[in-house]
Amino acid sequence: TTVFDTDQAAAGYALNQFCRSLMDADNRERFHADERAYLDEWPMSEDQKLGVIARDLNGLITLGGNIYFLAKIGASDGQSYLQIVSSMTENDAAGHAEMMLNGGRSPDGNRYLHEWKDRT
């Protein structure tokens, strides 16, 4: 888990502002017409820009992205929030919904980083 603290907020400020810009229909249209050109208007790192293009939300979180802003990327692609967050897990949307309806992910095997060492 990446803690969204003041350092993360500072690192992701431009990224999160870009995401916020997608709330405007004209900006969404400009972004989808030429993603790279629109991203180059923002003072984001190259890794952040590549993460947006790849839709690598987990990677963008480590680069300062806030999930509530990052979700606007998926929403601009026509995805539901369920589809967006399930793309960050090992489940598809249906499997993720079922897991959540059954009480969420078990803490067994999810408490410590060393429990994830063999996962991709």
PDB file of N, CA and C in Angstrom:
ATOM      1  N   THR A   1       0.839  -1.178   0.000  1.00  0.00           N
ATOM      2  CA  THR A   1       0.000   0.000   0.000  1.00  0.00           C
ATOM      3  C   THR A   1       0.884   1.240   0.000  1.00  0.00           C
ATOM      4  N   THR A   2       0.610   2.135  -0.880  1.00  0.00           N
ATOM      5  CA  THR A   2       1.308   3.415  -0.924  1.00  0.00           C
ATOM      6  C   THR A   2       0.490   4.419  -0.126  1.00  0.00           C
ATOM      7  N   VAL A   3       1.116   5.025   0.865  1.00  0.00           N
ATOM      8  CA  VAL A   3       0.442   6.026   1.686  1.00  0.00           C
ATOM      9  C   VAL A   3       0.473   7.356   0.939  1.00  0.00           C
ATOM     10  N   PHE A   4      -0.684   7.951   0.756  1.00  0.00           N
ATOM     11  CA  PHE A   4      -0.766   9.241   0.072  1.00  0.00           C
ATOM     12  C   PHE A   4      -0.543  10.339   1.103  1.00  0.00           C
ATOM     13  N   ASP A   5       0.728  10.680   1.298  1.00  0.00           N
ATOM     14  CA  ASP A   5       1.103  11.704   2.266  1.00  0.00           C
ATOM     15  C   ASP A   5       1.473  12.994   1.525  1.00  0.00           C
ATOM     16  N   THR A   6       2.043  13.948   2.250  1.00  0.00           N
ATOM     17  CA  THR A   6       2.366  15.228   1.613  1.00  0.00           C
ATOM     18  C   THR A   6       3.432  15.076   0.530  1.00  0.00           C
ATOM     19  N   ASP A   7       4.372  14.152   0.709  1.00  0.00           N
ATOM     20  CA  ASP A   7       5.386  13.930  -0.326  1.00  0.00           C
ATOM     21  C   ASP A   7       4.751  13.370  -1.595  1.00  0.00           C
ATOM     22  N   GLN A   8       3.838  12.401  -1.435  1.00  0.00           N
ATOM     23  CA  GLN A   8       3.138  11.833  -2.587  1.00  0.00           C
ATOM     24  C   GLN A   8       2.273  12.902  -3.259  1.00  0.00           C
ATOM     25  N   ALA A   9       1.611  13.711  -2.449  1.00  0.00           N
ATOM     26  CA  ALA A   9       0.761  14.769  -3.004  1.00  0.00           C
ATOM     27  C   ALA A   9       1.589  15.747  -3.835  1.00  0.00           C
ATOM     28  N   ALA A  10       2.760  16.109  -3.333  1.00  0.00           N
ATOM     29  CA  ALA A  10       3.626  17.032  -4.078  1.00  0.00           C
ATOM     30  C   ALA A  10       4.131  16.388  -5.363  1.00  0.00           C
ATOM     31  N   ALA A  11       4.537  15.122  -5.278  1.00  0.00           N
ATOM     32  CA  ALA A  11       5.060  14.423  -6.461  1.00  0.00           C
ATOM     33  C   ALA A  11       3.993  14.267  -7.530  1.00  0.00           C
ATOM     34  N   GLY A  12       2.752  14.100  -7.113  1.00  0.00           N
ATOM     35  CA  GLY A  12       1.679  13.842  -8.060  1.00  0.00           C
ATOM     36  C   GLY A  12       0.804  15.032  -8.387  1.00  0.00           C
ATOM     37  N   TYR A  13       1.193  16.215  -7.933  1.00  0.00           N
ATOM     38  CA  TYR A  13       0.320  17.379  -8.108  1.00  0.00           C
ATOM     39  C   TYR A  13      -0.090  17.588  -9.568  1.00  0.00           C
ATOM     40  N   ALA A  14       0.877  17.665 -10.477  1.00  0.00           N
ATOM     41  CA  ALA A  14       0.555  17.918 -11.889  1.00  0.00           C
ATOM     42  C   ALA A  14      -0.241  16.755 -12.479  1.00  0.00           C
ATOM     43  N   LEU A  15       0.125  15.528 -12.114  1.00  0.00           N
ATOM     44  CA  LEU A  15      -0.606  14.347 -12.580  1.00  0.00           C
ATOM     45  C   LEU A  15      -2.065  14.417 -12.151  1.00  0.00           C
ATOM     46  N   ASN A  16      -2.292  14.720 -10.892  1.00  0.00           N
ATOM     47  CA  ASN A  16      -3.659  14.772 -10.381  1.00  0.00           C
ATOM     48  C   ASN A  16      -4.442  15.945 -10.969  1.00  0.00           C
ATOM     49  N   GLN A  17      -3.758  17.057 -11.234  1.00  0.00           N
ATOM     50  CA  GLN A  17      -4.426  18.182 -11.890  1.00  0.00           C
ATOM     51  C   GLN A  17      -4.800  17.831 -13.328  1.00  0.00           C
ATOM     52  N   PHE A  18      -3.902  17.095 -14.022  1.00  0.00           N
ATOM     53  CA  PHE A  18      -4.246  16.606 -15.359  1.00  0.00           C
ATOM     54  C   PHE A  18      -5.522  15.766 -15.285  1.00  0.00           C
ATOM     55  N   CYS A  19      -5.556  14.817 -14.343  1.00  0.00           N
ATOM     56  CA  CYS A  19      -6.734  13.951 -14.206  1.00  0.00           C
ATOM     57  C   CYS A  19      -7.984  14.781 -13.945  1.00  0.00           C
ATOM     58  N   ARG A  20      -7.857  15.765 -13.082  1.00  0.00           N
ATOM     59  CA  ARG A  20      -8.994  16.630 -12.769  1.00  0.00           C
ATOM     60  C   ARG A  20      -9.482  17.351 -14.019  1.00  0.00           C
ATOM     61  N   SER A  21      -8.549  17.694 -14.910  1.00  0.00           N
ATOM     62  CA  SER A  21      -8.933  18.410 -16.132  1.00  0.00           C
ATOM     63  C   SER A  21      -9.887  17.590 -16.994  1.00  0.00           C
ATOM     64  N   LEU A  22      -9.858  16.270 -16.824  1.00  0.00           N
ATOM     65  CA  LEU A  22     -10.709  15.399 -17.631  1.00  0.00           C
ATOM     66  C   LEU A  22     -12.180  15.473 -17.230  1.00  0.00           C
ATOM     67  N   MET A  23     -12.480  16.236 -16.194  1.00  0.00           N
ATOM     68  CA  MET A  23     -13.880  16.456 -15.829  1.00  0.00           C
ATOM     69  C   MET A  23     -14.574  17.332 -16.872  1.00  0.00           C
ATOM     70  N   ASP A  24     -13.794  18.075 -17.641  1.00  0.00           N
ATOM     71  CA  ASP A  24     -14.328  18.965 -18.670  1.00  0.00           C
ATOM     72  C   ASP A  24     -14.389  18.236 -20.010  1.00  0.00           C
ATOM     73  N   ALA A  25     -15.543  18.238 -20.640  1.00  0.00           N
ATOM     74  CA  ALA A  25     -15.741  17.498 -21.895  1.00  0.00           C
ATOM     75  C   ALA A  25     -14.778  17.944 -22.991  1.00  0.00           C
ATOM     76  N   ASP A  26     -14.508  19.249 -23.085  1.00  0.00           N
ATOM     77  CA  ASP A  26     -13.571  19.730 -24.109  1.00  0.00           C
ATOM     78  C   ASP A  26     -12.172  19.169 -23.876  1.00  0.00           C
ATOM     79  N   ASN A  27     -11.761  19.087 -22.615  1.00  0.00           N
ATOM     80  CA  ASN A  27     -10.441  18.530 -22.304  1.00  0.00           C
ATOM     81  C   ASN A  27     -10.384  17.038 -22.603  1.00  0.00           C
ATOM     82  N   ARG A  28     -11.457  16.319 -22.300  1.00  0.00           N
ATOM     83  CA  ARG A  28     -11.496  14.889 -22.634  1.00  0.00           C
ATOM     84  C   ARG A  28     -11.356  14.691 -24.137  1.00  0.00           C
ATOM     85  N   GLU A  29     -12.040  15.522 -24.896  1.00  0.00           N
ATOM     86  CA  GLU A  29     -11.965  15.419 -26.354  1.00  0.00           C
ATOM     87  C   GLU A  29     -10.537  15.697 -26.841  1.00  0.00           C
ATOM     88  N   ARG A  30      -9.916  16.727 -26.307  1.00  0.00           N
ATOM     89  CA  ARG A  30      -8.532  17.047 -26.683  1.00  0.00           C
ATOM     90  C   ARG A  30      -7.586  15.916 -26.293  1.00  0.00           C
ATOM     91  N   PHE A  31      -7.773  15.357 -25.109  1.00  0.00           N
ATOM     92  CA  PHE A  31      -6.918  14.266 -24.643  1.00  0.00           C
ATOM     93  C   PHE A  31      -7.041  13.060 -25.558  1.00  0.00           C
ATOM     94  N   HIS A  32      -8.248  12.661 -25.871  1.00  0.00           N
ATOM     95  CA  HIS A  32      -8.438  11.466 -26.694  1.00  0.00           C
ATOM     96  C   HIS A  32      -8.061  11.689 -28.155  1.00  0.00           C
ATOM     97  N   ALA A  33      -8.060  12.929 -28.607  1.00  0.00           N
ATOM     98  CA  ALA A  33      -7.644  13.222 -29.985  1.00  0.00           C
ATOM     99  C   ALA A  33      -6.144  13.023 -30.156  1.00  0.00           C
ATOM    100  N   ASP A  34      -5.358  13.381 -29.128  1.00  0.00           N
ATOM    101  CA  ASP A  34      -3.895  13.222 -29.181  1.00  0.00           C
ATOM    102  C   ASP A  34      -3.380  13.191 -27.747  1.00  0.00           C
ATOM    103  N   GLU A  35      -3.355  11.991 -27.168  1.00  0.00           N
ATOM    104  CA  GLU A  35      -3.013  11.853 -25.753  1.00  0.00           C
ATOM    105  C   GLU A  35      -1.660  12.466 -25.432  1.00  0.00           C
ATOM    106  N   ARG A  36      -0.661  12.152 -26.233  1.00  0.00           N
ATOM    107  CA  ARG A  36       0.687  12.633 -25.931  1.00  0.00           C
ATOM    108  C   ARG A  36       0.757  14.160 -25.974  1.00  0.00           C
ATOM    109  N   ALA A  37       0.150  14.759 -26.975  1.00  0.00           N
ATOM    110  CA  ALA A  37       0.184  16.220 -27.080  1.00  0.00           C
ATOM    111  C   ALA A  37      -0.493  16.861 -25.867  1.00  0.00           C
ATOM    112  N   TYR A  38      -1.620  16.310 -25.441  1.00  0.00           N
ATOM    113  CA  TYR A  38      -2.314  16.873 -24.283  1.00  0.00           C
ATOM    114  C   TYR A  38      -1.479  16.678 -23.017  1.00  0.00           C
ATOM    115  N   LEU A  39      -0.891  15.505 -22.857  1.00  0.00           N
ATOM    116  CA  LEU A  39      -0.053  15.255 -21.680  1.00  0.00           C
ATOM    117  C   LEU A  39       1.150  16.187 -21.643  1.00  0.00           C
ATOM    118  N   ASP A  40       1.698  16.504 -22.815  1.00  0.00           N
ATOM    119  CA  ASP A  40       2.871  17.379 -22.865  1.00  0.00           C
ATOM    120  C   ASP A  40       2.561  18.809 -22.436  1.00  0.00           C
ATOM    121  N   GLU A  41       1.292  19.156 -22.328  1.00  0.00           N
ATOM    122  CA  GLU A  41       0.908  20.471 -21.814  1.00  0.00           C
ATOM    123  C   GLU A  41       1.042  20.546 -20.292  1.00  0.00           C
ATOM    124  N   TRP A  42       1.231  19.406 -19.659  1.00  0.00           N
ATOM    125  CA  TRP A  42       1.280  19.341 -18.197  1.00  0.00           C
ATOM    126  C   TRP A  42       2.712  19.092 -17.735  1.00  0.00           C
ATOM    127  N   PRO A  43       3.132  19.731 -16.639  1.00  0.00           N
ATOM    128  CA  PRO A  43       4.505  19.551 -16.137  1.00  0.00           C
ATOM    129  C   PRO A  43       4.661  18.256 -15.329  1.00  0.00           C
ATOM    130  N   MET A  44       4.356  17.148 -15.993  1.00  0.00           N
ATOM    131  CA  MET A  44       4.445  15.828 -15.375  1.00  0.00           C
ATOM    132  C   MET A  44       5.767  15.190 -15.767  1.00  0.00           C
ATOM    133  N   SER A  45       6.200  14.213 -14.978  1.00  0.00           N
ATOM    134  CA  SER A  45       7.406  13.465 -15.342  1.00  0.00           C
ATOM    135  C   SER A  45       7.102  12.569 -16.542  1.00  0.00           C
ATOM    136  N   GLU A  46       8.160  12.170 -17.227  1.00  0.00           N
ATOM    137  CA  GLU A  46       7.987  11.261 -18.362  1.00  0.00           C
ATOM    138  C   GLU A  46       7.367   9.946 -17.903  1.00  0.00           C
ATOM    139  N   ASP A  47       7.782   9.454 -16.731  1.00  0.00           N
ATOM    140  CA  ASP A  47       7.200   8.211 -16.206  1.00  0.00           C
ATOM    141  C   ASP A  47       5.701   8.363 -15.961  1.00  0.00           C
ATOM    142  N   GLN A  48       5.282   9.513 -15.461  1.00  0.00           N
ATOM    143  CA  GLN A  48       3.856   9.749 -15.244  1.00  0.00           C
ATOM    144  C   GLN A  48       3.104   9.760 -16.571  1.00  0.00           C
ATOM    145  N   LYS A  49       3.662  10.430 -17.570  1.00  0.00           N
ATOM    146  CA  LYS A  49       3.006  10.485 -18.884  1.00  0.00           C
ATOM    147  C   LYS A  49       2.888   9.093 -19.490  1.00  0.00           C
ATOM    148  N   LEU A  50       3.962   8.311 -19.406  1.00  0.00           N
ATOM    149  CA  LEU A  50       3.923   6.948 -19.949  1.00  0.00           C
ATOM    150  C   LEU A  50       2.939   6.079 -19.178  1.00  0.00           C
ATOM    151  N   GLY A  51       2.846   6.295 -17.864  1.00  0.00           N
ATOM    152  CA  GLY A  51       1.879   5.560 -17.054  1.00  0.00           C
ATOM    153  C   GLY A  51       0.448   5.860 -17.453  1.00  0.00           C
ATOM    154  N   VAL A  52       0.169   7.123 -17.765  1.00  0.00           N
ATOM    155  CA  VAL A  52      -1.175   7.493 -18.225  1.00  0.00           C
ATOM    156  C   VAL A  52      -1.468   6.807 -19.551  1.00  0.00           C
ATOM    157  N   ILE A  53      -0.531   6.880 -20.483  1.00  0.00           N
ATOM    158  CA  ILE A  53      -0.740   6.272 -21.801  1.00  0.00           C
ATOM    159  C   ILE A  53      -0.980   4.772 -21.673  1.00  0.00           C
ATOM    160  N   ALA A  54      -0.236   4.122 -20.768  1.00  0.00           N
ATOM    161  CA  ALA A  54      -0.377   2.673 -20.559  1.00  0.00           C
ATOM    162  C   ALA A  54      -1.566   2.331 -19.663  1.00  0.00           C
ATOM    163  N   ARG A  55      -2.169   3.346 -19.049  1.00  0.00           N
ATOM    164  CA  ARG A  55      -3.266   3.148 -18.094  1.00  0.00           C
ATOM    165  C   ARG A  55      -2.801   2.262 -16.930  1.00  0.00           C
ATOM    166  N   ASP A  56      -1.559   2.494 -16.491  1.00  0.00           N
ATOM    167  CA  ASP A  56      -0.956   1.748 -15.386  1.00  0.00           C
ATOM    168  C   ASP A  56      -1.279   2.463 -14.076  1.00  0.00           C
ATOM    169  N   LEU A  57      -2.467   2.229 -13.561  1.00  0.00           N
ATOM    170  CA  LEU A  57      -2.909   2.952 -12.374  1.00  0.00           C
ATOM    171  C   LEU A  57      -2.083   2.614 -11.143  1.00  0.00           C
ATOM    172  N   ASN A  58      -1.686   1.361 -10.995  1.00  0.00           N
ATOM    173  CA  ASN A  58      -0.846   1.004  -9.848  1.00  0.00           C
ATOM    174  C   ASN A  58       0.484   1.746  -9.913  1.00  0.00           C
ATOM    175  N   GLY A  59       1.077   1.801 -11.093  1.00  0.00           N
ATOM    176  CA  GLY A  59       2.325   2.541 -11.258  1.00  0.00           C
ATOM    177  C   GLY A  59       2.138   4.025 -10.991  1.00  0.00           C
ATOM    178  N   LEU A  60       1.016   4.573 -11.442  1.00  0.00           N
ATOM    179  CA  LEU A  60       0.751   5.996 -11.231  1.00  0.00           C
ATOM    180  C   LEU A  60       0.546   6.321  -9.757  1.00  0.00           C
ATOM    181  N   ILE A  61       0.006   5.392  -8.997  1.00  0.00           N
ATOM    182  CA  ILE A  61      -0.123   5.621  -7.553  1.00  0.00           C
ATOM    183  C   ILE A  61       1.256   5.772  -6.925  1.00  0.00           C
ATOM    184  N   THR A  62       2.208   4.943  -7.343  1.00  0.00           N
ATOM    185  CA  THR A  62       3.560   5.066  -6.783  1.00  0.00           C
ATOM    186  C   THR A  62       4.226   6.372  -7.203  1.00  0.00           C
ATOM    187  N   LEU A  63       3.732   6.979  -8.286  1.00  0.00           N
ATOM    188  CA  LEU A  63       4.291   8.240  -8.788  1.00  0.00           C
ATOM    189  C   LEU A  63       3.506   9.460  -8.297  1.00  0.00           C
ATOM    190  N   GLY A  64       2.663   9.260  -7.286  1.00  0.00           N
ATOM    191  CA  GLY A  64       1.955  10.378  -6.676  1.00  0.00           C
ATOM    192  C   GLY A  64       0.500  10.516  -7.061  1.00  0.00           C
ATOM    193  N   GLY A  65      -0.003   9.588  -7.856  1.00  0.00           N
ATOM    194  CA  GLY A  65      -1.402   9.661  -8.253  1.00  0.00           C
ATOM    195  C   GLY A  65      -2.336   9.307  -7.108  1.00  0.00           C
ATOM    196  N   ASN A  66      -3.451   9.991  -7.055  1.00  0.00           N
ATOM    197  CA  ASN A  66      -4.503   9.715  -6.087  1.00  0.00           C
ATOM    198  C   ASN A  66      -5.616   8.982  -6.824  1.00  0.00           C
ATOM    199  N   ILE A  67      -6.054   7.852  -6.302  1.00  0.00           N
ATOM    200  CA  ILE A  67      -7.006   7.002  -7.015  1.00  0.00           C
ATOM    201  C   ILE A  67      -8.274   7.758  -7.402  1.00  0.00           C
ATOM    202  N   TYR A  68      -8.706   8.702  -6.583  1.00  0.00           N
ATOM    203  CA  TYR A  68      -9.937   9.427  -6.904  1.00  0.00           C
ATOM    204  C   TYR A  68      -9.753  10.334  -8.120  1.00  0.00           C
ATOM    205  N   PHE A  69      -8.534  10.816  -8.335  1.00  0.00           N
ATOM    206  CA  PHE A  69      -8.238  11.570  -9.553  1.00  0.00           C
ATOM    207  C   PHE A  69      -7.924  10.622 -10.701  1.00  0.00           C
ATOM    208  N   LEU A  70      -7.150   9.573 -10.436  1.00  0.00           N
ATOM    209  CA  LEU A  70      -6.779   8.626 -11.491  1.00  0.00           C
ATOM    210  C   LEU A  70      -8.002   7.964 -12.115  1.00  0.00           C
ATOM    211  N   ALA A  71      -9.039   7.777 -11.332  1.00  0.00           N
ATOM    212  CA  ALA A  71     -10.258   7.148 -11.854  1.00  0.00           C
ATOM    213  C   ALA A  71     -10.860   7.956 -12.999  1.00  0.00           C
ATOM    214  N   LYS A  72     -10.556   9.238 -13.062  1.00  0.00           N
ATOM    215  CA  LYS A  72     -11.090  10.073 -14.138  1.00  0.00           C
ATOM    216  C   LYS A  72     -10.510   9.671 -15.492  1.00  0.00           C
ATOM    217  N   ILE A  73      -9.310   9.065 -15.498  1.00  0.00           N
ATOM    218  CA  ILE A  73      -8.741   8.574 -16.755  1.00  0.00           C
ATOM    219  C   ILE A  73      -9.621   7.450 -17.288  1.00  0.00           C
ATOM    220  N   GLY A  74      -9.896   6.470 -16.445  1.00  0.00           N
ATOM    221  CA  GLY A  74     -10.747   5.356 -16.860  1.00  0.00           C
ATOM    222  C   GLY A  74     -12.150   5.805 -17.204  1.00  0.00           C
ATOM    223  N   ALA A  75     -12.681   6.742 -16.424  1.00  0.00           N
ATOM    224  CA  ALA A  75     -14.024   7.249 -16.712  1.00  0.00           C
ATOM    225  C   ALA A  75     -14.053   7.930 -18.076  1.00  0.00           C
ATOM    226  N   SER A  76     -12.969   8.621 -18.422  1.00  0.00           N
ATOM    227  CA  SER A  76     -12.930   9.276 -19.738  1.00  0.00           C
ATOM    228  C   SER A  76     -12.854   8.250 -20.863  1.00  0.00           C
ATOM    229  N   ASP A  77     -12.416   7.034 -20.527  1.00  0.00           N
ATOM    230  CA  ASP A  77     -12.389   5.931 -21.497  1.00  0.00           C
ATOM    231  C   ASP A  77     -13.714   5.174 -21.538  1.00  0.00           C
ATOM    232  N   GLY A  78     -14.674   5.594 -20.702  1.00  0.00           N
ATOM    233  CA  GLY A  78     -15.979   4.942 -20.678  1.00  0.00           C
ATOM    234  C   GLY A  78     -16.069   3.773 -19.716  1.00  0.00           C
ATOM    235  N   GLN A  79     -15.100   3.649 -18.803  1.00  0.00           N
ATOM    236  CA  GLN A  79     -15.119   2.552 -17.842  1.00  0.00           C
ATOM    237  C   GLN A  79     -15.871   2.949 -16.579  1.00  0.00           C
ATOM    238  N   SER A  80     -16.500   1.965 -15.955  1.00  0.00           N
ATOM    239  CA  SER A  80     -17.130   2.182 -14.655  1.00  0.00           C
ATOM    240  C   SER A  80     -16.042   2.150 -13.582  1.00  0.00           C
ATOM    241  N   TYR A  81     -16.387   2.645 -12.391  1.00  0.00           N
ATOM    242  CA  TYR A  81     -15.417   2.612 -11.294  1.00  0.00           C
ATOM    243  C   TYR A  81     -15.031   1.172 -10.970  1.00  0.00           C
ATOM    244  N   LEU A  82     -15.976   0.256 -11.045  1.00  0.00           N
ATOM    245  CA  LEU A  82     -15.685  -1.160 -10.806  1.00  0.00           C
ATOM    246  C   LEU A  82     -14.650  -1.674 -11.803  1.00  0.00           C
ATOM    247  N   GLN A  83     -14.801  -1.338 -13.070  1.00  0.00           N
ATOM    248  CA  GLN A  83     -13.821  -1.762 -14.074  1.00  0.00           C
ATOM    249  C   GLN A  83     -12.458  -1.135 -13.798  1.00  0.00           C
ATOM    250  N   ILE A  84     -12.460   0.116 -13.395  1.00  0.00           N
ATOM    251  CA  ILE A  84     -11.206   0.824 -13.137  1.00  0.00           C
ATOM    252  C   ILE A  84     -10.452   0.169 -11.987  1.00  0.00           C
ATOM    253  N   VAL A  85     -11.119  -0.013 -10.844  1.00  0.00           N
ATOM    254  CA  VAL A  85     -10.407  -0.563  -9.688  1.00  0.00           C
ATOM    255  C   VAL A  85     -10.076  -2.037  -9.874  1.00  0.00           C
ATOM    256  N   SER A  86     -10.905  -2.779 -10.586  1.00  0.00           N
ATOM    257  CA  SER A  86     -10.579  -4.195 -10.794  1.00  0.00           C
ATOM    258  C   SER A  86      -9.367  -4.345 -11.700  1.00  0.00           C
ATOM    259  N   SER A  87      -9.100  -3.353 -12.556  1.00  0.00           N
ATOM    260  CA  SER A  87      -7.904  -3.410 -13.402  1.00  0.00           C
ATOM    261  C   SER A  87      -6.629  -3.320 -12.572  1.00  0.00           C
ATOM    262  N   MET A  88      -6.759  -2.917 -11.322  1.00  0.00           N
ATOM    263  CA  MET A  88      -5.615  -2.782 -10.428  1.00  0.00           C
ATOM    264  C   MET A  88      -5.408  -4.032  -9.574  1.00  0.00           C
ATOM    265  N   THR A  89      -6.233  -5.039  -9.784  1.00  0.00           N
ATOM    266  CA  THR A  89      -6.179  -6.254  -8.979  1.00  0.00           C
ATOM    267  C   THR A  89      -5.938  -7.466  -9.867  1.00  0.00           C
ATOM    268  N   GLU A  90      -5.980  -8.618  -9.253  1.00  0.00           N
ATOM    269  CA  GLU A  90      -5.825  -9.876  -9.985  1.00  0.00           C
ATOM    270  C   GLU A  90      -7.160 -10.382 -10.522  1.00  0.00           C
ATOM    271  N   ASN A  91      -8.235  -9.618 -10.330  1.00  0.00           N
ATOM    272  CA  ASN A  91      -9.583 -10.037 -10.729  1.00  0.00           C
ATOM    273  C   ASN A  91     -10.083  -9.253 -11.929  1.00  0.00           C
ATOM    274  N   ASP A  92     -11.013  -9.848 -12.665  1.00  0.00           N
ATOM    275  CA  ASP A  92     -11.766  -9.071 -13.642  1.00  0.00           C
ATOM    276  C   ASP A  92     -12.890  -8.366 -12.879  1.00  0.00           C
ATOM    277  N   ALA A  93     -13.669  -7.551 -13.568  1.00  0.00           N
ATOM    278  CA  ALA A  93     -14.703  -6.765 -12.892  1.00  0.00           C
ATOM    279  C   ALA A  93     -15.709  -7.643 -12.158  1.00  0.00           C
ATOM    280  N   ALA A  94     -16.148  -8.732 -12.794  1.00  0.00           N
ATOM    281  CA  ALA A  94     -17.127  -9.616 -12.148  1.00  0.00           C
ATOM    282  C   ALA A  94     -16.529 -10.275 -10.908  1.00  0.00           C
ATOM    283  N   GLY A  95     -15.301 -10.745 -11.011  1.00  0.00           N
ATOM    284  CA  GLY A  95     -14.640 -11.368  -9.869  1.00  0.00           C
ATOM    285  C   GLY A  95     -14.401 -10.384  -8.742  1.00  0.00           C
ATOM    286  N   HIS A  96     -14.057  -9.145  -9.097  1.00  0.00           N
ATOM    287  CA  HIS A  96     -13.831  -8.115  -8.086  1.00  0.00           C
ATOM    288  C   HIS A  96     -15.142  -7.776  -7.374  1.00  0.00           C
ATOM    289  N   ALA A  97     -16.220  -7.643  -8.137  1.00  0.00           N
ATOM    290  CA  ALA A  97     -17.525  -7.356  -7.532  1.00  0.00           C
ATOM    291  C   ALA A  97     -17.939  -8.476  -6.586  1.00  0.00           C
ATOM    292  N   GLU A  98     -17.749  -9.714  -7.022  1.00  0.00           N
ATOM    293  CA  GLU A  98     -18.107 -10.856  -6.175  1.00  0.00           C
ATOM    294  C   GLU A  98     -17.290 -10.849  -4.888  1.00  0.00           C
ATOM    295  N   MET A  99     -15.980 -10.588  -5.002  1.00  0.00           N
ATOM    296  CA  MET A  99     -15.128 -10.536  -3.819  1.00  0.00           C
ATOM    297  C   MET A  99     -15.627  -9.464  -2.847  1.00  0.00           C
ATOM    298  N   MET A 100     -15.940  -8.287  -3.357  1.00  0.00           N
ATOM    299  CA  MET A 100     -16.389  -7.204  -2.493  1.00  0.00           C
ATOM    300  C   MET A 100     -17.748  -7.515  -1.859  1.00  0.00           C
ATOM    301  N   LEU A 101     -18.647  -8.117  -2.625  1.00  0.00           N
ATOM    302  CA  LEU A 101     -19.955  -8.480  -2.075  1.00  0.00           C
ATOM    303  C   LEU A 101     -19.845  -9.559  -1.004  1.00  0.00           C
ATOM    304  N   ASN A 102     -18.766 -10.332  -1.050  1.00  0.00           N
ATOM    305  CA  ASN A 102     -18.534 -11.378  -0.056  1.00  0.00           C
ATOM    306  C   ASN A 102     -17.657 -10.908   1.094  1.00  0.00           C
ATOM    307  N   GLY A 103     -17.503  -9.613   1.245  1.00  0.00           N
ATOM    308  CA  GLY A 103     -16.784  -9.082   2.397  1.00  0.00           C
ATOM    309  C   GLY A 103     -15.393  -8.571   2.115  1.00  0.00           C
ATOM    310  N   GLY A 104     -14.963  -8.570   0.874  1.00  0.00           N
ATOM    311  CA  GLY A 104     -13.642  -8.039   0.539  1.00  0.00           C
ATOM    312  C   GLY A 104     -12.565  -9.097   0.544  1.00  0.00           C
ATOM    313  N   ARG A 105     -11.352  -8.653   0.276  1.00  0.00           N
ATOM    314  CA  ARG A 105     -10.208  -9.562   0.203  1.00  0.00           C
ATOM    315  C   ARG A 105      -9.829 -10.028   1.600  1.00  0.00           C
ATOM    316  N   SER A 106      -9.545 -11.295   1.724  1.00  0.00           N
ATOM    317  CA  SER A 106      -9.099 -11.855   2.998  1.00  0.00           C
ATOM    318  C   SER A 106      -7.755 -11.244   3.375  1.00  0.00           C
ATOM    319  N   PRO A 107      -7.558 -10.945   4.651  1.00  0.00           N
ATOM    320  CA  PRO A 107      -6.253 -10.434   5.065  1.00  0.00           C
ATOM    321  C   PRO A 107      -5.164 -11.509   5.036  1.00  0.00           C
ATOM    322  N   ASP A 108      -5.570 -12.780   5.002  1.00  0.00           N
ATOM    323  CA  ASP A 108      -4.580 -13.856   4.967  1.00  0.00           C
ATOM    324  C   ASP A 108      -3.772 -13.761   3.682  1.00  0.00           C
ATOM    325  N   GLY A 109      -2.459 -13.648   3.831  1.00  0.00           N
ATOM    326  CA  GLY A 109      -1.576 -13.526   2.678  1.00  0.00           C
ATOM    327  C   GLY A 109      -1.473 -12.113   2.136  1.00  0.00           C
ATOM    328  N   ASN A 110      -2.105 -11.163   2.798  1.00  0.00           N
ATOM    329  CA  ASN A 110      -2.100  -9.775   2.331  1.00  0.00           C
ATOM    330  C   ASN A 110      -1.632  -8.781   3.388  1.00  0.00           C
ATOM    331  N   ARG A 111      -1.053  -9.283   4.471  1.00  0.00           N
ATOM    332  CA  ARG A 111      -0.666  -8.383   5.555  1.00  0.00           C
ATOM    333  C   ARG A 111       0.727  -7.795   5.388  1.00  0.00           C
ATOM    334  N   TYR A 112       1.630  -8.539   4.782  1.00  0.00           N
ATOM    335  CA  TYR A 112       3.032  -8.143   4.752  1.00  0.00           C
ATOM    336  C   TYR A 112       3.589  -8.209   3.339  1.00  0.00           C
ATOM    337  N   LEU A 113       4.568  -7.352   3.056  1.00  0.00           N
ATOM    338  CA  LEU A 113       5.187  -7.341   1.731  1.00  0.00           C
ATOM    339  C   LEU A 113       5.801  -8.683   1.372  1.00  0.00           C
ATOM    340  N   HIS A 114       6.414  -9.363   2.350  1.00  0.00           N
ATOM    341  CA  HIS A 114       7.071 -10.633   2.020  1.00  0.00           C
ATOM    342  C   HIS A 114       6.066 -11.692   1.556  1.00  0.00           C
ATOM    343  N   GLU A 115       4.795 -11.523   1.892  1.00  0.00           N
ATOM    344  CA  GLU A 115       3.776 -12.461   1.420  1.00  0.00           C
ATOM    345  C   GLU A 115       3.484 -12.262  -0.064  1.00  0.00           C
ATOM    346  N   TRP A 116       3.899 -11.146  -0.621  1.00  0.00           N
ATOM    347  CA  TRP A 116       3.653 -10.821  -2.033  1.00  0.00           C
ATOM    348  C   TRP A 116       4.881 -11.068  -2.902  1.00  0.00           C
ATOM    349  N   LYS A 117       5.978 -11.550  -2.335  1.00  0.00           N
ATOM    350  CA  LYS A 117       7.237 -11.639  -3.090  1.00  0.00           C
ATOM    351  C   LYS A 117       7.140 -12.519  -4.325  1.00  0.00           C
ATOM    352  N   ASP A 118       6.271 -13.514  -4.330  1.00  0.00           N
ATOM    353  CA  ASP A 118       6.165 -14.413  -5.478  1.00  0.00           C
ATOM    354  C   ASP A 118       5.045 -14.016  -6.437  1.00  0.00           C
ATOM    355  N   ARG A 119       4.379 -12.898  -6.153  1.00  0.00           N
ATOM    356  CA  ARG A 119       3.296 -12.436  -7.033  1.00  0.00           C
ATOM    357  C   ARG A 119       3.857 -11.452  -8.045  1.00  0.00           C
ATOM    358  N   THR A 120       3.142 -11.329  -9.159  1.00  0.00           N
ATOM    359  CA  THR A 120       3.575 -10.359 -10.176  1.00  0.00           C
ATOM    360  C   THR A 120       2.796  -9.082 -10.071  1.00  0.00           C
TER     361      THR A 120
END
